[in-house]
Amino acid sequence: MKNEGQGIEAARTSLPIRNLSPNVADTVLRSMQLSADDGSFDTLALMIAHLGESIEALQDRHQIDRLIDLKRILESAQSKEKLYGVGCLLNLHCSSVQRKIARGWISKSQIRNAENYTNCVVKDGD
């Protein structure tokens, strides 16, 4: 992946703000949360980069607060990925991650980083 591990700014392009309905924004936010939960932070970064401004444009305080929380989670995750490698936070036991691995969507280096990080956390108590 060309922008692997480079975050929101690397993913951002000059896309127009999409007109999202509040219901679609909720669905997008749930999808973003799923990416955070399974450790797919490259996907989360892309979703925030391409749809974050559209969610903000709705000016719904609850949705904006959820987006802010997801951005904080992403920032923290990216700090760990700088130390331990891209993909280190992947939840390898999650069924969605298992499907992505089976389809070849997650690189071997990302899997290795996740295994190493898990071993490091268990050993060192990060």
N, C-alpha and C. Protein backbone atom coordinates (compact mmCIF):
# COMPACT_ATOMS: atom_id res chain seq x y z
N MET A 1 0.85 -1.17 0.00
CA MET A 1 0.00 0.00 0.00
C MET A 1 0.90 1.24 0.00
N LYS A 2 0.69 2.12 -0.94
CA LYS A 2 1.56 3.27 -1.12
C LYS A 2 1.63 4.18 0.10
N ASN A 3 0.49 4.48 0.73
CA ASN A 3 0.45 5.39 1.86
C ASN A 3 0.49 4.66 3.20
N GLU A 4 0.89 3.42 3.19
CA GLU A 4 0.86 2.60 4.39
C GLU A 4 1.53 3.29 5.56
N GLY A 5 0.75 3.52 6.62
CA GLY A 5 1.29 4.07 7.85
C GLY A 5 1.55 5.56 7.83
N GLN A 6 1.11 6.27 6.81
CA GLN A 6 1.40 7.69 6.73
C GLN A 6 0.25 8.56 7.21
N GLY A 7 -0.87 7.98 7.54
CA GLY A 7 -1.94 8.70 8.20
C GLY A 7 -2.84 9.51 7.31
N ILE A 8 -3.60 10.37 7.97
CA ILE A 8 -4.65 11.14 7.33
C ILE A 8 -4.11 12.04 6.24
N GLU A 9 -3.04 12.77 6.51
CA GLU A 9 -2.54 13.74 5.54
C GLU A 9 -2.08 13.06 4.26
N ALA A 10 -1.46 11.90 4.37
CA ALA A 10 -1.01 11.19 3.18
C ALA A 10 -2.19 10.70 2.35
N ALA A 11 -3.30 10.42 3.01
CA ALA A 11 -4.46 9.90 2.31
C ALA A 11 -5.32 11.00 1.71
N ARG A 12 -5.20 12.21 2.22
CA ARG A 12 -6.07 13.31 1.80
C ARG A 12 -5.76 13.72 0.36
N THR A 13 -6.81 13.87 -0.41
CA THR A 13 -6.69 14.40 -1.76
C THR A 13 -7.69 15.54 -1.87
N SER A 14 -7.72 16.19 -3.00
CA SER A 14 -8.63 17.31 -3.16
C SER A 14 -10.02 16.82 -3.58
N LEU A 15 -10.63 16.05 -2.72
CA LEU A 15 -11.98 15.57 -2.96
C LEU A 15 -12.98 16.59 -2.44
N PRO A 16 -14.10 16.73 -3.13
CA PRO A 16 -15.12 17.66 -2.63
C PRO A 16 -15.80 17.07 -1.39
N ILE A 17 -16.34 17.96 -0.56
CA ILE A 17 -17.11 17.49 0.58
C ILE A 17 -18.37 16.82 0.05
N ARG A 18 -18.62 15.62 0.51
CA ARG A 18 -19.81 14.88 0.08
C ARG A 18 -20.98 15.31 0.95
N ASN A 19 -22.14 15.35 0.34
CA ASN A 19 -23.35 15.64 1.10
C ASN A 19 -23.85 14.34 1.71
N LEU A 20 -23.59 14.16 2.99
CA LEU A 20 -24.03 12.96 3.70
C LEU A 20 -25.29 13.27 4.47
N SER A 21 -26.19 12.30 4.52
CA SER A 21 -27.33 12.43 5.41
C SER A 21 -26.86 12.07 6.81
N PRO A 22 -27.57 12.52 7.84
CA PRO A 22 -27.19 12.12 9.20
C PRO A 22 -27.13 10.61 9.39
N ASN A 23 -28.06 9.88 8.75
CA ASN A 23 -28.06 8.41 8.87
C ASN A 23 -26.82 7.79 8.23
N VAL A 24 -26.44 8.30 7.07
CA VAL A 24 -25.24 7.79 6.40
C VAL A 24 -24.01 8.13 7.23
N ALA A 25 -23.98 9.32 7.80
CA ALA A 25 -22.84 9.72 8.66
C ALA A 25 -22.74 8.77 9.86
N ASP A 26 -23.87 8.38 10.45
CA ASP A 26 -23.84 7.42 11.56
C ASP A 26 -23.26 6.09 11.11
N THR A 27 -23.65 5.65 9.93
CA THR A 27 -23.13 4.39 9.39
C THR A 27 -21.63 4.49 9.16
N VAL A 28 -21.18 5.61 8.61
CA VAL A 28 -19.75 5.82 8.38
C VAL A 28 -19.00 5.81 9.71
N LEU A 29 -19.53 6.48 10.71
CA LEU A 29 -18.88 6.52 12.02
C LEU A 29 -18.81 5.13 12.65
N ARG A 30 -19.85 4.32 12.47
CA ARG A 30 -19.81 2.94 12.98
C ARG A 30 -18.74 2.14 12.24
N SER A 31 -18.62 2.35 10.94
CA SER A 31 -17.59 1.66 10.16
C SER A 31 -16.19 2.09 10.61
N MET A 32 -16.05 3.37 10.89
CA MET A 32 -14.78 3.87 11.40
C MET A 32 -14.44 3.21 12.73
N GLN A 33 -15.44 3.08 13.60
CA GLN A 33 -15.23 2.45 14.90
C GLN A 33 -14.83 0.98 14.74
N LEU A 34 -15.45 0.29 13.79
CA LEU A 34 -15.08 -1.11 13.53
C LEU A 34 -13.63 -1.22 13.09
N SER A 35 -13.18 -0.29 12.26
CA SER A 35 -11.78 -0.30 11.83
C SER A 35 -10.86 -0.08 13.02
N ALA A 36 -11.24 0.83 13.91
CA ALA A 36 -10.43 1.06 15.11
C ALA A 36 -10.42 -0.19 15.98
N ASP A 37 -11.57 -0.82 16.13
CA ASP A 37 -11.69 -2.00 16.99
C ASP A 37 -10.84 -3.17 16.49
N ASP A 38 -10.77 -3.34 15.16
CA ASP A 38 -10.00 -4.48 14.66
C ASP A 38 -8.54 -4.11 14.36
N GLY A 39 -8.19 -2.84 14.58
CA GLY A 39 -6.81 -2.42 14.42
C GLY A 39 -6.42 -2.04 13.01
N SER A 40 -7.41 -1.81 12.15
CA SER A 40 -7.15 -1.42 10.76
C SER A 40 -7.04 0.10 10.67
N PHE A 41 -5.94 0.62 11.19
CA PHE A 41 -5.80 2.07 11.29
C PHE A 41 -5.48 2.73 9.96
N ASP A 42 -4.95 1.98 8.99
CA ASP A 42 -4.77 2.55 7.66
C ASP A 42 -6.14 2.83 7.04
N THR A 43 -7.08 1.91 7.24
CA THR A 43 -8.44 2.10 6.74
C THR A 43 -9.11 3.26 7.46
N LEU A 44 -8.96 3.33 8.76
CA LEU A 44 -9.54 4.42 9.53
C LEU A 44 -9.00 5.76 9.04
N ALA A 45 -7.70 5.84 8.79
CA ALA A 45 -7.09 7.09 8.31
C ALA A 45 -7.70 7.52 6.98
N LEU A 46 -7.88 6.56 6.08
CA LEU A 46 -8.49 6.88 4.79
C LEU A 46 -9.93 7.36 4.94
N MET A 47 -10.68 6.70 5.78
CA MET A 47 -12.08 7.08 5.98
C MET A 47 -12.19 8.48 6.57
N ILE A 48 -11.35 8.77 7.55
CA ILE A 48 -11.37 10.11 8.15
C ILE A 48 -10.95 11.15 7.12
N ALA A 49 -9.91 10.84 6.35
CA ALA A 49 -9.42 11.79 5.35
C ALA A 49 -10.47 12.11 4.30
N HIS A 50 -11.19 11.10 3.88
CA HIS A 50 -12.14 11.30 2.78
C HIS A 50 -13.55 11.68 3.22
N LEU A 51 -13.91 11.37 4.44
CA LEU A 51 -15.30 11.63 4.87
C LEU A 51 -15.42 12.48 6.12
N GLY A 52 -14.30 12.74 6.80
CA GLY A 52 -14.35 13.51 8.04
C GLY A 52 -14.94 14.90 7.87
N GLU A 53 -14.51 15.61 6.84
CA GLU A 53 -15.04 16.96 6.62
C GLU A 53 -16.52 16.94 6.30
N SER A 54 -16.98 15.90 5.63
CA SER A 54 -18.41 15.79 5.32
C SER A 54 -19.23 15.58 6.59
N ILE A 55 -18.69 14.82 7.52
CA ILE A 55 -19.37 14.62 8.80
C ILE A 55 -19.38 15.93 9.59
N GLU A 56 -18.24 16.61 9.59
CA GLU A 56 -18.18 17.90 10.29
C GLU A 56 -19.15 18.92 9.70
N ALA A 57 -19.35 18.87 8.38
CA ALA A 57 -20.24 19.82 7.71
C ALA A 57 -21.69 19.68 8.16
N LEU A 58 -22.05 18.52 8.68
CA LEU A 58 -23.42 18.32 9.17
C LEU A 58 -23.67 19.10 10.46
N GLN A 59 -22.61 19.46 11.14
CA GLN A 59 -22.66 20.23 12.38
C GLN A 59 -23.51 19.57 13.48
N ASP A 60 -23.46 18.24 13.52
CA ASP A 60 -24.13 17.48 14.57
C ASP A 60 -23.10 17.25 15.68
N ARG A 61 -23.33 17.83 16.84
CA ARG A 61 -22.36 17.79 17.94
C ARG A 61 -21.98 16.37 18.33
N HIS A 62 -22.96 15.48 18.41
CA HIS A 62 -22.69 14.08 18.79
C HIS A 62 -21.78 13.42 17.75
N GLN A 63 -22.07 13.61 16.48
CA GLN A 63 -21.26 13.00 15.43
C GLN A 63 -19.85 13.60 15.41
N ILE A 64 -19.76 14.89 15.60
CA ILE A 64 -18.44 15.54 15.62
C ILE A 64 -17.63 15.03 16.81
N ASP A 65 -18.27 14.87 17.96
CA ASP A 65 -17.56 14.34 19.13
C ASP A 65 -17.05 12.92 18.87
N ARG A 66 -17.87 12.09 18.22
CA ARG A 66 -17.43 10.74 17.88
C ARG A 66 -16.24 10.78 16.93
N LEU A 67 -16.29 11.68 15.95
CA LEU A 67 -15.19 11.83 15.00
C LEU A 67 -13.92 12.29 15.70
N ILE A 68 -14.04 13.23 16.61
CA ILE A 68 -12.88 13.70 17.38
C ILE A 68 -12.27 12.56 18.18
N ASP A 69 -13.12 11.74 18.81
CA ASP A 69 -12.62 10.58 19.56
C ASP A 69 -11.86 9.62 18.64
N LEU A 70 -12.40 9.37 17.46
CA LEU A 70 -11.75 8.47 16.51
C LEU A 70 -10.42 9.04 16.03
N LYS A 71 -10.36 10.35 15.85
CA LYS A 71 -9.09 10.98 15.45
C LYS A 71 -8.05 10.83 16.55
N ARG A 72 -8.47 10.94 17.80
CA ARG A 72 -7.54 10.76 18.93
C ARG A 72 -7.04 9.31 18.98
N ILE A 73 -7.95 8.38 18.79
CA ILE A 73 -7.58 6.97 18.77
C ILE A 73 -6.57 6.72 17.65
N LEU A 74 -6.84 7.29 16.48
CA LEU A 74 -5.94 7.13 15.34
C LEU A 74 -4.57 7.72 15.63
N GLU A 75 -4.54 8.89 16.21
CA GLU A 75 -3.26 9.54 16.53
C GLU A 75 -2.43 8.67 17.48
N SER A 76 -3.07 8.14 18.50
CA SER A 76 -2.39 7.26 19.45
C SER A 76 -1.88 6.00 18.75
N ALA A 77 -2.72 5.43 17.90
CA ALA A 77 -2.34 4.21 17.19
C ALA A 77 -1.15 4.47 16.26
N GLN A 78 -1.18 5.60 15.59
CA GLN A 78 -0.08 5.92 14.67
C GLN A 78 1.23 6.11 15.42
N SER A 79 1.16 6.62 16.63
CA SER A 79 2.38 6.74 17.45
C SER A 79 2.96 5.37 17.75
N LYS A 80 2.09 4.43 18.10
CA LYS A 80 2.56 3.06 18.36
C LYS A 80 3.07 2.40 17.09
N GLU A 81 2.39 2.66 15.96
CA GLU A 81 2.84 2.06 14.71
C GLU A 81 4.20 2.60 14.28
N LYS A 82 4.52 3.83 14.66
CA LYS A 82 5.86 4.37 14.36
C LYS A 82 6.93 3.61 15.14
N LEU A 83 6.58 3.18 16.34
CA LEU A 83 7.54 2.44 17.17
C LEU A 83 7.62 0.97 16.80
N TYR A 84 6.46 0.35 16.57
CA TYR A 84 6.39 -1.10 16.42
C TYR A 84 6.09 -1.58 15.01
N GLY A 85 5.85 -0.66 14.09
CA GLY A 85 5.58 -1.02 12.70
C GLY A 85 4.10 -0.99 12.36
N VAL A 86 3.84 -0.67 11.10
CA VAL A 86 2.47 -0.58 10.60
C VAL A 86 1.78 -1.94 10.76
N GLY A 87 0.57 -1.89 11.29
CA GLY A 87 -0.20 -3.12 11.48
C GLY A 87 -0.01 -3.75 12.85
N CYS A 88 0.86 -3.17 13.67
CA CYS A 88 1.17 -3.80 14.96
C CYS A 88 -0.06 -3.94 15.86
N LEU A 89 -1.05 -3.11 15.66
CA LEU A 89 -2.24 -3.14 16.51
C LEU A 89 -3.39 -3.96 15.94
N LEU A 90 -3.13 -4.64 14.83
CA LEU A 90 -4.17 -5.49 14.26
C LEU A 90 -4.60 -6.56 15.27
N ASN A 91 -5.89 -6.73 15.40
CA ASN A 91 -6.44 -7.78 16.25
C ASN A 91 -6.51 -9.05 15.41
N LEU A 92 -5.46 -9.83 15.46
CA LEU A 92 -5.35 -11.01 14.60
C LEU A 92 -6.40 -12.07 14.88
N HIS A 93 -7.07 -11.98 16.00
CA HIS A 93 -8.11 -12.96 16.35
C HIS A 93 -9.50 -12.50 15.90
N CYS A 94 -9.61 -11.28 15.42
CA CYS A 94 -10.89 -10.73 14.98
C CYS A 94 -11.28 -11.36 13.64
N SER A 95 -12.54 -11.74 13.50
CA SER A 95 -12.98 -12.40 12.28
C SER A 95 -12.80 -11.52 11.04
N SER A 96 -13.00 -10.22 11.18
CA SER A 96 -12.84 -9.35 10.00
C SER A 96 -11.37 -9.29 9.58
N VAL A 97 -10.46 -9.30 10.53
CA VAL A 97 -9.04 -9.31 10.22
C VAL A 97 -8.66 -10.64 9.59
N GLN A 98 -9.20 -11.73 10.11
CA GLN A 98 -8.94 -13.06 9.53
C GLN A 98 -9.39 -13.11 8.06
N ARG A 99 -10.55 -12.51 7.76
CA ARG A 99 -11.03 -12.48 6.37
C ARG A 99 -10.09 -11.64 5.49
N LYS A 100 -9.62 -10.52 6.02
CA LYS A 100 -8.70 -9.67 5.25
C LYS A 100 -7.38 -10.40 4.99
N ILE A 101 -6.91 -11.14 5.97
CA ILE A 101 -5.68 -11.93 5.79
C ILE A 101 -5.90 -12.99 4.72
N ALA A 102 -7.02 -13.70 4.80
CA ALA A 102 -7.33 -14.76 3.83
C ALA A 102 -7.41 -14.21 2.41
N ARG A 103 -7.87 -12.99 2.26
CA ARG A 103 -8.00 -12.36 0.94
C ARG A 103 -6.71 -11.69 0.48
N GLY A 104 -5.69 -11.69 1.33
CA GLY A 104 -4.43 -11.08 0.98
C GLY A 104 -4.41 -9.57 1.10
N TRP A 105 -5.34 -9.01 1.84
CA TRP A 105 -5.45 -7.55 1.99
C TRP A 105 -4.53 -7.01 3.07
N ILE A 106 -4.00 -7.89 3.90
CA ILE A 106 -3.08 -7.49 4.95
C ILE A 106 -1.73 -8.13 4.64
N SER A 107 -0.70 -7.30 4.60
CA SER A 107 0.62 -7.80 4.20
C SER A 107 1.24 -8.68 5.29
N LYS A 108 2.19 -9.49 4.85
CA LYS A 108 2.90 -10.35 5.79
C LYS A 108 3.67 -9.52 6.82
N SER A 109 4.18 -8.38 6.39
CA SER A 109 4.91 -7.54 7.34
C SER A 109 3.98 -6.98 8.41
N GLN A 110 2.74 -6.65 8.03
CA GLN A 110 1.78 -6.17 9.02
C GLN A 110 1.43 -7.28 10.01
N ILE A 111 1.25 -8.48 9.52
CA ILE A 111 0.95 -9.62 10.39
C ILE A 111 2.11 -9.86 11.36
N ARG A 112 3.32 -9.81 10.82
CA ARG A 112 4.52 -10.00 11.65
C ARG A 112 4.61 -8.90 12.71
N ASN A 113 4.32 -7.66 12.32
CA ASN A 113 4.35 -6.56 13.28
C ASN A 113 3.33 -6.77 14.39
N ALA A 114 2.14 -7.24 14.03
CA ALA A 114 1.10 -7.50 15.04
C ALA A 114 1.52 -8.62 15.98
N GLU A 115 2.11 -9.68 15.43
CA GLU A 115 2.57 -10.78 16.28
C GLU A 115 3.69 -10.31 17.21
N ASN A 116 4.63 -9.55 16.67
CA ASN A 116 5.75 -9.05 17.49
C ASN A 116 5.25 -8.10 18.58
N TYR A 117 4.32 -7.23 18.24
CA TYR A 117 3.79 -6.28 19.21
C TYR A 117 3.05 -7.02 20.33
N THR A 118 2.25 -8.00 19.94
CA THR A 118 1.53 -8.79 20.93
C THR A 118 2.50 -9.47 21.88
N ASN A 119 3.56 -10.05 21.33
CA ASN A 119 4.58 -10.70 22.17
C ASN A 119 5.28 -9.68 23.07
N CYS A 120 5.55 -8.51 22.54
CA CYS A 120 6.22 -7.45 23.30
C CYS A 120 5.33 -6.98 24.45
N VAL A 121 4.06 -6.78 24.18
CA VAL A 121 3.12 -6.31 25.20
C VAL A 121 2.96 -7.36 26.29
N VAL A 122 2.83 -8.61 25.91
CA VAL A 122 2.69 -9.69 26.88
C VAL A 122 3.95 -9.78 27.73
N LYS A 123 5.11 -9.65 27.09
CA LYS A 123 6.39 -9.77 27.79
C LYS A 123 6.68 -8.55 28.67
N ASP A 124 6.48 -7.35 28.08
CA ASP A 124 6.89 -6.11 28.76
C ASP A 124 5.78 -5.36 29.43
N GLY A 125 4.53 -5.71 29.13
CA GLY A 125 3.39 -5.05 29.77
C GLY A 125 3.15 -3.63 29.31
N ASP A 126 3.29 -3.34 28.00
CA ASP A 126 3.08 -1.99 27.44
C ASP A 126 1.72 -1.44 27.78
